[in-house]
């Protein structure tokens, strides 16, 4: 399904939203869409900027997004570390189950 998604349009829409109503969560979503168009490294660069501030310090999806991009780059040890951080903040069983599966996968590749 991701190949049929117009990720460049999504990037553009997030950029409009960031201009109209900036927020850290919108920046996070923008970084994810950039990763889909320009690759995981481009997304990680944007996540670094978000993480340098403290707004999303406890938000589990920030380290989850980082972990996913690191996984896609096959940087397994770093991905596992990020999945652990995300898992420690996960708000519900569904998120914990998903993150645990991804953590197990990353750890098996270290």
Protein backbone atom coordinates (compact mmCIF):
# COMPACT_ATOMS: atom_id res chain seq x y z
CA UNK A 1 0.00 0.00 0.00
CA UNK A 2 2.76 2.58 0.72
CA UNK A 3 3.83 2.57 -2.95
CA UNK A 4 0.37 3.77 -3.99
CA UNK A 5 0.41 6.55 -1.41
CA UNK A 6 1.31 10.02 -2.66
CA UNK A 7 3.92 10.68 0.01
CA UNK A 8 5.16 13.86 -1.64
CA UNK A 9 1.65 15.30 -1.40
CA UNK A 10 1.53 14.28 2.26
CA UNK A 11 4.87 16.03 2.87
CA UNK A 12 3.50 19.17 1.22
CA UNK A 13 0.32 19.06 3.29
CA UNK A 14 2.27 18.67 6.54
CA UNK A 15 4.42 21.64 5.52
CA UNK A 16 1.28 23.72 5.03
CA UNK A 17 -0.06 22.57 8.38
CA UNK A 18 3.24 23.41 10.08
CA UNK A 19 3.04 26.95 8.71
CA UNK A 20 -0.61 27.39 9.72
CA UNK A 21 -0.56 25.61 13.07
CA UNK A 22 2.89 24.41 14.15
CA UNK A 23 3.21 21.62 16.69
CA UNK A 24 5.80 19.05 17.66
CA UNK A 25 3.46 16.16 16.80
CA UNK A 26 2.90 17.61 13.33
CA UNK A 27 6.69 17.89 12.97
CA UNK A 28 6.98 14.22 13.91
CA UNK A 29 4.42 13.22 11.29
CA UNK A 30 6.16 15.44 8.75
CA UNK A 31 9.47 13.68 9.50
CA UNK A 32 7.82 10.30 8.92
CA UNK A 33 6.45 11.42 5.57
CA UNK A 34 9.82 12.88 4.57
CA UNK A 35 11.38 9.50 5.37
CA UNK A 36 8.94 7.91 2.94
CA UNK A 37 9.95 10.27 0.12
CA UNK A 38 13.62 10.97 0.79
CA UNK A 39 14.66 7.92 2.80
CA UNK A 40 15.14 7.04 6.47
CA UNK A 41 18.27 9.18 6.90
CA UNK A 42 16.38 12.33 5.93
CA UNK A 43 13.66 11.45 8.44
CA UNK A 44 16.25 10.82 11.17
CA UNK A 45 17.77 14.25 10.58
CA UNK A 46 14.38 15.83 11.22
CA UNK A 47 13.81 13.64 14.30
CA UNK A 48 17.16 14.82 15.70
CA UNK A 49 15.89 18.41 15.59
CA UNK A 50 12.66 17.44 17.34
CA UNK A 51 14.53 15.48 20.01
CA UNK A 52 16.84 18.41 20.70
CA UNK A 53 13.82 20.13 22.22
CA UNK A 54 11.85 18.70 25.13
CA UNK A 55 8.24 18.92 23.97
CA UNK A 56 7.93 15.23 23.10
CA UNK A 57 10.31 13.87 25.74
CA UNK A 58 7.71 11.43 27.12
CA UNK A 59 5.80 10.78 23.89
CA UNK A 60 6.31 7.14 22.98
CA UNK A 61 5.91 7.67 19.25
CA UNK A 62 9.07 9.76 18.97
CA UNK A 63 11.45 6.91 19.89
CA UNK A 64 9.15 4.51 17.98
CA UNK A 65 9.58 6.57 14.82
CA UNK A 66 13.34 6.72 15.36
CA UNK A 67 13.43 2.95 15.92
CA UNK A 68 11.52 2.29 12.71
CA UNK A 69 13.87 4.45 10.65
CA UNK A 70 16.92 2.83 12.24
CA UNK A 71 15.39 -0.59 11.54
CA UNK A 72 14.95 0.35 7.90
CA UNK A 73 18.64 1.33 7.83
CA UNK A 74 19.53 -2.03 9.46
CA UNK A 75 21.10 -0.21 12.42
CA UNK A 76 19.76 -2.94 14.67
CA UNK A 77 21.41 -2.10 18.01
CA UNK A 78 20.29 1.54 17.85
CA UNK A 79 16.85 0.46 16.72
CA UNK A 80 16.56 -1.92 19.68
CA UNK A 81 17.57 0.88 22.08
CA UNK A 82 14.90 3.16 20.62
CA UNK A 83 12.26 0.42 20.76
CA UNK A 84 13.10 -0.08 24.45
CA UNK A 85 12.66 3.66 25.13
CA UNK A 86 9.36 3.66 23.28
CA UNK A 87 8.17 0.51 25.03
CA UNK A 88 8.87 2.06 28.44
CA UNK A 89 6.48 4.91 27.54
CA UNK A 90 3.82 2.95 25.63
CA UNK A 91 0.32 3.87 26.84
CA UNK A 92 -1.54 0.61 26.17
CA UNK A 93 -1.25 -3.13 25.59
CA UNK A 94 -1.68 -2.87 21.84
CA UNK A 95 1.27 -0.49 21.50
CA UNK A 96 3.35 -2.59 23.91
CA UNK A 97 2.67 -5.78 21.90
CA UNK A 98 3.64 -4.12 18.62
CA UNK A 99 6.79 -2.57 20.07
CA UNK A 100 7.77 -5.82 21.78
CA UNK A 101 7.54 -7.66 18.43
CA UNK A 102 9.70 -5.03 16.76
CA UNK A 103 12.18 -5.05 19.67
CA UNK A 104 12.48 -8.83 19.46
CA UNK A 105 13.13 -8.58 15.73
CA UNK A 106 15.81 -5.91 16.20
CA UNK A 107 17.50 -7.82 19.03
CA UNK A 108 17.64 -10.96 16.91
CA UNK A 109 19.64 -9.04 14.28
CA UNK A 110 22.19 -7.49 16.67
